[in-house]
Amino acid sequence: MFWGVEAGILTSFLLFILAAVFTKIVVPWYQALVYKGVDLSGTWVQHQTLSGIAYDYNMVLKQSAHGVKGTMTLTTSGAPPGPRGDYVQVFDVSGSSWEGFVTLNMQSSDPKSLAFATTLLKIQDRGRSLVGHLAFRSQSGQAEGEPVHWERL
């Protein structure tokens, strides 16, 4: 009976490892092999000035088939001093591409500084720019949006 339990535990562990290898290595490799769409991997930037405040977006994406993941850093400068002054906010990014469009969801990496946003972007200029809209929760708690135009570095 002891050996039967031990064999069952060992078999379960082996199946867990095989499943992890299959889903983390084999499936992404196969998806990359057969995926024929645009590759969005790389660094994307945008700079804009609103009401005298400079907003610099720097996004680094990695893609596996239709799935997209990465990070985005938003840096502001030129804001009046105080609690709503200049800041740096880092976001975790996840999303997908489909039919020439990309949806990206962004959530703050730091749980002490909560922020989130979502985008719908059209892939343009033969894969060199992403153009669309960013929707986010403002500091007043309202849903707001703004146009965005990211360029690939």
N, C-alpha and C. Protein backbone atom coordinates (compact mmCIF):
# COMPACT_ATOMS: atom_id res chain seq x y z
N MET A 1 0.83 -1.19 0.00
CA MET A 1 0.00 0.00 0.00
C MET A 1 0.88 1.26 0.00
N PHE A 2 1.96 1.23 0.79
CA PHE A 2 2.87 2.37 0.84
C PHE A 2 3.44 2.66 -0.55
N TRP A 3 3.87 1.61 -1.27
CA TRP A 3 4.46 1.81 -2.59
C TRP A 3 3.42 2.32 -3.60
N GLY A 4 2.19 1.91 -3.45
CA GLY A 4 1.13 2.39 -4.33
C GLY A 4 0.89 3.88 -4.15
N VAL A 5 0.87 4.34 -2.90
CA VAL A 5 0.69 5.77 -2.63
C VAL A 5 1.88 6.55 -3.16
N GLU A 6 3.07 6.07 -2.93
CA GLU A 6 4.27 6.74 -3.40
C GLU A 6 4.31 6.79 -4.93
N ALA A 7 3.93 5.71 -5.59
CA ALA A 7 3.90 5.69 -7.05
C ALA A 7 2.86 6.69 -7.57
N GLY A 8 1.72 6.80 -6.89
CA GLY A 8 0.68 7.76 -7.29
C GLY A 8 1.15 9.19 -7.16
N ILE A 9 1.85 9.51 -6.08
CA ILE A 9 2.38 10.86 -5.88
C ILE A 9 3.43 11.17 -6.94
N LEU A 10 4.32 10.23 -7.19
CA LEU A 10 5.37 10.42 -8.19
C LEU A 10 4.76 10.60 -9.59
N THR A 11 3.75 9.80 -9.91
CA THR A 11 3.07 9.93 -11.20
C THR A 11 2.39 11.29 -11.33
N SER A 12 1.74 11.74 -10.28
CA SER A 12 1.08 13.06 -10.31
C SER A 12 2.10 14.16 -10.53
N PHE A 13 3.22 14.10 -9.85
CA PHE A 13 4.28 15.09 -10.00
C PHE A 13 4.82 15.08 -11.43
N LEU A 14 5.05 13.90 -11.98
CA LEU A 14 5.56 13.78 -13.34
C LEU A 14 4.56 14.34 -14.35
N LEU A 15 3.28 14.04 -14.18
CA LEU A 15 2.25 14.59 -15.07
C LEU A 15 2.16 16.11 -14.97
N PHE A 16 2.31 16.65 -13.77
CA PHE A 16 2.30 18.09 -13.57
C PHE A 16 3.46 18.75 -14.32
N ILE A 17 4.64 18.17 -14.22
CA ILE A 17 5.83 18.71 -14.91
C ILE A 17 5.64 18.61 -16.43
N LEU A 18 5.15 17.50 -16.93
CA LEU A 18 4.94 17.35 -18.36
C LEU A 18 3.90 18.34 -18.88
N ALA A 19 2.83 18.56 -18.13
CA ALA A 19 1.81 19.53 -18.53
C ALA A 19 2.39 20.94 -18.57
N ALA A 20 3.20 21.28 -17.59
CA ALA A 20 3.82 22.61 -17.55
C ALA A 20 4.76 22.80 -18.73
N VAL A 21 5.58 21.79 -19.04
CA VAL A 21 6.49 21.88 -20.19
C VAL A 21 5.69 22.04 -21.47
N PHE A 22 4.62 21.28 -21.61
CA PHE A 22 3.80 21.35 -22.81
C PHE A 22 3.17 22.73 -22.98
N THR A 23 2.57 23.27 -21.91
CA THR A 23 1.87 24.56 -22.04
C THR A 23 2.81 25.75 -22.07
N LYS A 24 3.97 25.66 -21.45
CA LYS A 24 4.89 26.80 -21.39
C LYS A 24 5.94 26.79 -22.50
N ILE A 25 6.24 25.63 -23.08
CA ILE A 25 7.29 25.55 -24.09
C ILE A 25 6.75 25.09 -25.44
N VAL A 26 6.09 23.95 -25.48
CA VAL A 26 5.67 23.37 -26.75
C VAL A 26 4.59 24.21 -27.42
N VAL A 27 3.54 24.58 -26.70
CA VAL A 27 2.44 25.35 -27.30
C VAL A 27 2.92 26.72 -27.80
N PRO A 28 3.68 27.53 -27.01
CA PRO A 28 4.17 28.80 -27.55
C PRO A 28 5.09 28.62 -28.76
N TRP A 29 5.92 27.61 -28.74
CA TRP A 29 6.79 27.34 -29.89
C TRP A 29 5.96 27.05 -31.13
N TYR A 30 4.94 26.21 -31.00
CA TYR A 30 4.09 25.87 -32.14
C TYR A 30 3.30 27.09 -32.62
N GLN A 31 2.78 27.88 -31.70
CA GLN A 31 2.02 29.08 -32.09
C GLN A 31 2.92 30.05 -32.86
N ALA A 32 4.15 30.23 -32.39
CA ALA A 32 5.08 31.13 -33.09
C ALA A 32 5.43 30.58 -34.47
N LEU A 33 5.47 29.27 -34.59
CA LEU A 33 5.81 28.64 -35.85
C LEU A 33 4.73 28.86 -36.90
N VAL A 34 3.46 28.77 -36.50
CA VAL A 34 2.37 28.87 -37.48
C VAL A 34 1.77 30.27 -37.57
N TYR A 35 2.09 31.18 -36.64
CA TYR A 35 1.50 32.52 -36.66
C TYR A 35 2.06 33.33 -37.82
N LYS A 36 1.18 33.93 -38.61
CA LYS A 36 1.60 34.67 -39.80
C LYS A 36 1.26 36.16 -39.71
N GLY A 37 0.81 36.63 -38.57
CA GLY A 37 0.44 38.04 -38.41
C GLY A 37 1.64 38.92 -38.09
N VAL A 38 1.35 40.19 -37.84
CA VAL A 38 2.38 41.17 -37.53
C VAL A 38 3.01 40.88 -36.16
N ASP A 39 4.29 41.12 -36.03
CA ASP A 39 4.99 40.93 -34.75
C ASP A 39 5.10 42.29 -34.07
N LEU A 40 4.45 42.43 -32.93
CA LEU A 40 4.45 43.70 -32.20
C LEU A 40 5.53 43.76 -31.12
N SER A 41 6.36 42.74 -31.03
CA SER A 41 7.42 42.73 -30.02
C SER A 41 8.36 43.91 -30.23
N GLY A 42 8.76 44.53 -29.13
CA GLY A 42 9.70 45.64 -29.22
C GLY A 42 9.28 46.80 -28.34
N THR A 43 9.93 47.93 -28.55
CA THR A 43 9.69 49.13 -27.75
C THR A 43 8.84 50.11 -28.54
N TRP A 44 7.83 50.64 -27.88
CA TRP A 44 6.90 51.60 -28.46
C TRP A 44 6.89 52.86 -27.60
N VAL A 45 6.88 54.03 -28.23
CA VAL A 45 6.92 55.29 -27.48
C VAL A 45 5.87 56.25 -28.00
N GLN A 46 5.47 57.14 -27.10
CA GLN A 46 4.60 58.26 -27.45
C GLN A 46 4.93 59.41 -26.52
N HIS A 47 4.90 60.61 -27.07
CA HIS A 47 5.09 61.82 -26.27
C HIS A 47 3.97 62.77 -26.63
N GLN A 48 3.35 63.33 -25.60
CA GLN A 48 2.33 64.36 -25.84
C GLN A 48 2.36 65.37 -24.71
N THR A 49 1.91 66.56 -25.02
CA THR A 49 1.82 67.62 -24.02
C THR A 49 0.37 68.07 -23.94
N LEU A 50 -0.19 68.03 -22.73
CA LEU A 50 -1.56 68.46 -22.48
C LEU A 50 -1.56 69.47 -21.35
N SER A 51 -2.08 70.65 -21.60
CA SER A 51 -2.16 71.71 -20.59
C SER A 51 -0.79 72.01 -19.98
N GLY A 52 0.26 71.96 -20.78
CA GLY A 52 1.60 72.28 -20.31
C GLY A 52 2.30 71.16 -19.58
N ILE A 53 1.68 69.98 -19.47
CA ILE A 53 2.29 68.83 -18.80
C ILE A 53 2.72 67.83 -19.86
N ALA A 54 3.97 67.40 -19.81
CA ALA A 54 4.51 66.43 -20.77
C ALA A 54 4.24 65.01 -20.28
N TYR A 55 3.71 64.19 -21.15
CA TYR A 55 3.43 62.78 -20.86
C TYR A 55 4.27 61.94 -21.81
N ASP A 56 5.16 61.11 -21.23
CA ASP A 56 5.99 60.22 -22.03
C ASP A 56 5.60 58.78 -21.72
N TYR A 57 5.18 58.06 -22.75
CA TYR A 57 4.81 56.65 -22.63
C TYR A 57 5.92 55.82 -23.26
N ASN A 58 6.38 54.81 -22.54
CA ASN A 58 7.39 53.89 -23.05
C ASN A 58 6.87 52.48 -22.79
N MET A 59 6.57 51.74 -23.85
CA MET A 59 5.97 50.42 -23.71
C MET A 59 6.86 49.37 -24.36
N VAL A 60 7.14 48.29 -23.64
CA VAL A 60 7.93 47.18 -24.17
C VAL A 60 7.02 45.96 -24.23
N LEU A 61 6.84 45.42 -25.44
CA LEU A 61 5.93 44.31 -25.66
C LEU A 61 6.67 43.06 -26.10
N LYS A 62 6.13 41.91 -25.69
CA LYS A 62 6.57 40.61 -26.18
C LYS A 62 5.31 39.90 -26.67
N GLN A 63 5.44 39.22 -27.80
CA GLN A 63 4.28 38.61 -28.41
C GLN A 63 4.49 37.13 -28.64
N SER A 64 3.44 36.35 -28.40
CA SER A 64 3.41 34.94 -28.73
C SER A 64 2.12 34.68 -29.48
N ALA A 65 2.22 34.51 -30.79
CA ALA A 65 1.04 34.39 -31.67
C ALA A 65 0.16 35.62 -31.49
N HIS A 66 -1.11 35.44 -31.13
CA HIS A 66 -2.01 36.59 -30.97
C HIS A 66 -1.86 37.26 -29.60
N GLY A 67 -1.27 36.60 -28.63
CA GLY A 67 -1.14 37.14 -27.28
C GLY A 67 0.00 38.13 -27.15
N VAL A 68 -0.25 39.20 -26.40
CA VAL A 68 0.75 40.26 -26.19
C VAL A 68 0.88 40.52 -24.70
N LYS A 69 2.10 40.63 -24.21
CA LYS A 69 2.38 40.96 -22.81
C LYS A 69 3.54 41.93 -22.76
N GLY A 70 3.66 42.65 -21.64
CA GLY A 70 4.78 43.55 -21.49
C GLY A 70 4.60 44.52 -20.35
N THR A 71 5.31 45.63 -20.44
CA THR A 71 5.23 46.68 -19.43
C THR A 71 5.15 48.04 -20.12
N MET A 72 4.55 48.99 -19.43
CA MET A 72 4.50 50.36 -19.92
C MET A 72 4.85 51.29 -18.77
N THR A 73 5.66 52.29 -19.06
CA THR A 73 6.01 53.31 -18.07
C THR A 73 5.49 54.65 -18.55
N LEU A 74 4.72 55.30 -17.69
CA LEU A 74 4.20 56.64 -17.97
C LEU A 74 4.96 57.61 -17.06
N THR A 75 5.60 58.61 -17.67
CA THR A 75 6.35 59.62 -16.93
C THR A 75 5.77 60.99 -17.26
N THR A 76 5.43 61.74 -16.21
CA THR A 76 4.94 63.10 -16.44
C THR A 76 5.98 64.10 -15.94
N SER A 77 6.00 65.25 -16.59
CA SER A 77 6.88 66.33 -16.14
C SER A 77 6.21 67.66 -16.48
N GLY A 78 6.50 68.65 -15.65
CA GLY A 78 5.94 69.98 -15.84
C GLY A 78 4.64 70.23 -15.11
N ALA A 79 4.22 69.28 -14.28
CA ALA A 79 2.98 69.46 -13.52
C ALA A 79 3.24 70.36 -12.32
N PRO A 80 2.21 71.08 -11.85
CA PRO A 80 2.40 71.92 -10.66
C PRO A 80 2.77 71.05 -9.45
N PRO A 81 3.54 71.59 -8.50
CA PRO A 81 3.91 70.81 -7.32
C PRO A 81 2.67 70.43 -6.51
N GLY A 82 2.81 69.36 -5.77
CA GLY A 82 1.71 68.91 -4.92
C GLY A 82 1.40 67.45 -5.17
N PRO A 83 0.30 66.96 -4.62
CA PRO A 83 -0.01 65.54 -4.72
C PRO A 83 -0.27 65.08 -6.16
N ARG A 84 -0.67 65.97 -7.02
CA ARG A 84 -0.91 65.61 -8.42
C ARG A 84 0.23 66.09 -9.32
N GLY A 85 1.41 66.21 -8.75
CA GLY A 85 2.58 66.69 -9.49
C GLY A 85 3.17 65.62 -10.38
N ASP A 86 4.44 65.81 -10.75
CA ASP A 86 5.13 64.86 -11.62
C ASP A 86 5.19 63.48 -10.98
N TYR A 87 5.11 62.45 -11.80
CA TYR A 87 5.17 61.09 -11.28
C TYR A 87 5.63 60.13 -12.37
N VAL A 88 5.98 58.92 -11.93
CA VAL A 88 6.30 57.82 -12.83
C VAL A 88 5.40 56.66 -12.42
N GLN A 89 4.66 56.11 -13.36
CA GLN A 89 3.75 54.99 -13.10
C GLN A 89 4.11 53.84 -14.02
N VAL A 90 4.31 52.65 -13.46
CA VAL A 90 4.64 51.46 -14.24
C VAL A 90 3.42 50.55 -14.29
N PHE A 91 3.14 50.03 -15.49
CA PHE A 91 1.97 49.18 -15.71
C PHE A 91 2.39 47.83 -16.26
N ASP A 92 1.66 46.77 -15.88
CA ASP A 92 1.75 45.48 -16.54
C ASP A 92 0.76 45.51 -17.68
N VAL A 93 1.17 45.03 -18.85
CA VAL A 93 0.33 45.09 -20.05
C VAL A 93 0.04 43.68 -20.53
N SER A 94 -1.22 43.43 -20.90
CA SER A 94 -1.59 42.16 -21.52
C SER A 94 -2.68 42.44 -22.54
N GLY A 95 -2.72 41.65 -23.58
CA GLY A 95 -3.74 41.85 -24.59
C GLY A 95 -3.59 40.89 -25.73
N SER A 96 -4.21 41.25 -26.87
CA SER A 96 -4.16 40.39 -28.04
C SER A 96 -4.31 41.21 -29.31
N SER A 97 -3.84 40.63 -30.39
CA SER A 97 -3.99 41.26 -31.70
C SER A 97 -4.91 40.40 -32.55
N TRP A 98 -5.71 41.07 -33.39
CA TRP A 98 -6.63 40.33 -34.23
C TRP A 98 -7.09 41.23 -35.37
N GLU A 99 -6.99 40.74 -36.60
CA GLU A 99 -7.51 41.43 -37.78
C GLU A 99 -7.00 42.86 -37.91
N GLY A 100 -5.73 43.10 -37.60
CA GLY A 100 -5.15 44.43 -37.76
C GLY A 100 -5.39 45.38 -36.60
N PHE A 101 -5.96 44.89 -35.51
CA PHE A 101 -6.19 45.69 -34.31
C PHE A 101 -5.54 45.03 -33.11
N VAL A 102 -5.29 45.85 -32.08
CA VAL A 102 -4.70 45.36 -30.84
C VAL A 102 -5.53 45.90 -29.68
N THR A 103 -5.84 45.04 -28.73
CA THR A 103 -6.43 45.51 -27.48
C THR A 103 -5.40 45.25 -26.39
N LEU A 104 -5.16 46.25 -25.57
CA LEU A 104 -4.20 46.14 -24.47
C LEU A 104 -4.86 46.59 -23.17
N ASN A 105 -4.70 45.80 -22.14
CA ASN A 105 -5.16 46.16 -20.81
C ASN A 105 -3.93 46.44 -19.95
N MET A 106 -3.98 47.55 -19.21
CA MET A 106 -2.84 47.98 -18.40
C MET A 106 -3.29 48.12 -16.96
N GLN A 107 -2.49 47.55 -16.07
CA GLN A 107 -2.77 47.63 -14.63
C GLN A 107 -1.48 47.97 -13.91
N SER A 108 -1.57 48.87 -12.95
CA SER A 108 -0.36 49.32 -12.26
C SER A 108 0.38 48.14 -11.63
N SER A 109 1.70 48.17 -11.75
CA SER A 109 2.54 47.13 -11.18
C SER A 109 2.65 47.25 -9.67
N ASP A 110 2.56 48.47 -9.16
CA ASP A 110 2.70 48.74 -7.74
C ASP A 110 1.31 48.79 -7.10
N PRO A 111 1.00 47.88 -6.18
CA PRO A 111 -0.33 47.88 -5.56
C PRO A 111 -0.57 49.09 -4.65
N LYS A 112 0.46 49.90 -4.38
CA LYS A 112 0.28 51.09 -3.56
C LYS A 112 -0.14 52.30 -4.39
N SER A 113 -0.06 52.18 -5.70
CA SER A 113 -0.43 53.27 -6.59
C SER A 113 -1.34 52.70 -7.67
N LEU A 114 -2.62 52.60 -7.36
CA LEU A 114 -3.56 51.91 -8.25
C LEU A 114 -3.92 52.76 -9.46
N ALA A 115 -3.80 52.15 -10.63
CA ALA A 115 -4.19 52.78 -11.88
C ALA A 115 -4.44 51.68 -12.90
N PHE A 116 -5.33 51.93 -13.82
CA PHE A 116 -5.56 50.98 -14.90
C PHE A 116 -6.11 51.70 -16.11
N ALA A 117 -5.92 51.06 -17.27
CA ALA A 117 -6.37 51.63 -18.53
C ALA A 117 -6.56 50.50 -19.53
N THR A 118 -7.23 50.81 -20.62
CA THR A 118 -7.37 49.86 -21.71
C THR A 118 -7.30 50.62 -23.03
N THR A 119 -6.88 49.93 -24.08
CA THR A 119 -6.74 50.57 -25.38
C THR A 119 -7.34 49.72 -26.47
N LEU A 120 -7.75 50.37 -27.52
CA LEU A 120 -8.05 49.72 -28.79
C LEU A 120 -7.23 50.46 -29.82
N LEU A 121 -6.34 49.73 -30.50
CA LEU A 121 -5.38 50.35 -31.41
C LEU A 121 -5.41 49.68 -32.77
N LYS A 122 -5.26 50.46 -33.81
CA LYS A 122 -5.13 49.94 -35.17
C LYS A 122 -3.64 49.90 -35.51
N ILE A 123 -3.21 48.79 -36.08
CA ILE A 123 -1.83 48.64 -36.53
C ILE A 123 -1.71 49.37 -37.86
N GLN A 124 -0.81 50.35 -37.93
CA GLN A 124 -0.66 51.15 -39.14
C GLN A 124 0.79 51.24 -39.57
N ASP A 125 1.00 51.85 -40.71
CA ASP A 125 2.35 52.09 -41.26
C ASP A 125 3.17 50.81 -41.32
N ARG A 126 2.53 49.75 -41.84
CA ARG A 126 3.20 48.45 -42.01
C ARG A 126 3.80 47.94 -40.71
N GLY A 127 3.09 48.13 -39.60
CA GLY A 127 3.53 47.62 -38.31
C GLY A 127 4.43 48.54 -37.53
N ARG A 128 4.58 49.79 -37.96
CA ARG A 128 5.47 50.72 -37.26
C ARG A 128 4.75 51.67 -36.32
N SER A 129 3.41 51.68 -36.33
CA SER A 129 2.69 52.55 -35.40
C SER A 129 1.38 51.91 -34.96
N LEU A 130 0.95 52.28 -33.78
CA LEU A 130 -0.32 51.84 -33.19
C LEU A 130 -1.13 53.09 -32.89
N VAL A 131 -2.29 53.21 -33.52
CA VAL A 131 -3.09 54.42 -33.41
C VAL A 131 -4.48 54.05 -32.90
N GLY A 132 -4.95 54.78 -31.89
CA GLY A 132 -6.29 54.50 -31.36
C GLY A 132 -6.60 55.34 -30.16
N HIS A 133 -7.25 54.71 -29.17
CA HIS A 133 -7.68 55.44 -27.98
C HIS A 133 -7.32 54.68 -26.71
N LEU A 134 -7.02 55.44 -25.69
CA LEU A 134 -6.72 54.94 -24.36
C LEU A 134 -7.85 55.38 -23.45
N ALA A 135 -8.48 54.44 -22.77
CA ALA A 135 -9.53 54.77 -21.80
C ALA A 135 -9.01 54.45 -20.41
N PHE A 136 -9.30 55.32 -19.44
CA PHE A 136 -8.74 55.17 -18.11
C PHE A 136 -9.66 55.79 -17.07
N ARG A 137 -9.41 55.45 -15.81
CA ARG A 137 -10.11 56.08 -14.70
C ARG A 137 -9.30 57.30 -14.28
N SER A 138 -9.94 58.46 -14.30
CA SER A 138 -9.25 59.69 -13.94
C SER A 138 -9.13 59.81 -12.42
N GLN A 139 -8.38 60.82 -11.97
CA GLN A 139 -8.23 61.02 -10.53
C GLN A 139 -9.54 61.42 -9.87
N SER A 140 -10.47 61.94 -10.67
CA SER A 140 -11.79 62.28 -10.12
C SER A 140 -12.71 61.07 -10.08
N GLY A 141 -12.23 59.91 -10.56
CA GLY A 141 -13.01 58.69 -10.51
C GLY A 141 -13.92 58.48 -11.71
N GLN A 142 -13.77 59.31 -12.73
CA GLN A 142 -14.59 59.20 -13.94
C GLN A 142 -13.84 58.42 -15.02
N ALA A 143 -14.61 57.80 -15.91
CA ALA A 143 -14.01 57.15 -17.08
C ALA A 143 -13.72 58.22 -18.12
N GLU A 144 -12.46 58.31 -18.53
CA GLU A 144 -12.05 59.30 -19.51
C GLU A 144 -11.23 58.62 -20.59
N GLY A 145 -10.94 59.34 -21.64
CA GLY A 145 -10.15 58.78 -22.73
C GLY A 145 -9.36 59.83 -23.45
N GLU A 146 -8.41 59.36 -24.24
CA GLU A 146 -7.60 60.26 -25.05
C GLU A 146 -7.04 59.49 -26.24
N PRO A 147 -6.81 60.19 -27.34
CA PRO A 147 -6.20 59.51 -28.49
C PRO A 147 -4.73 59.20 -28.20
N VAL A 148 -4.24 58.10 -28.75
CA VAL A 148 -2.84 57.74 -28.60
C VAL A 148 -2.27 57.35 -29.96
N HIS A 149 -0.97 57.56 -30.11
CA HIS A 149 -0.26 57.21 -31.34
C HIS A 149 1.15 56.76 -30.94
N TRP A 150 1.32 55.45 -30.78
CA TRP A 150 2.62 54.91 -30.41
C TRP A 150 3.42 54.61 -31.66
N GLU A 151 4.71 54.92 -31.60
CA GLU A 151 5.63 54.64 -32.69
C GLU A 151 6.64 53.60 -32.22
N ARG A 152 6.99 52.67 -33.10
CA ARG A 152 7.98 51.64 -32.77
C ARG A 152 9.38 52.25 -32.85
N LEU A 153 10.20 51.96 -31.85
CA LEU A 153 11.61 52.40 -31.90
C LEU A 153 12.42 51.43 -32.72
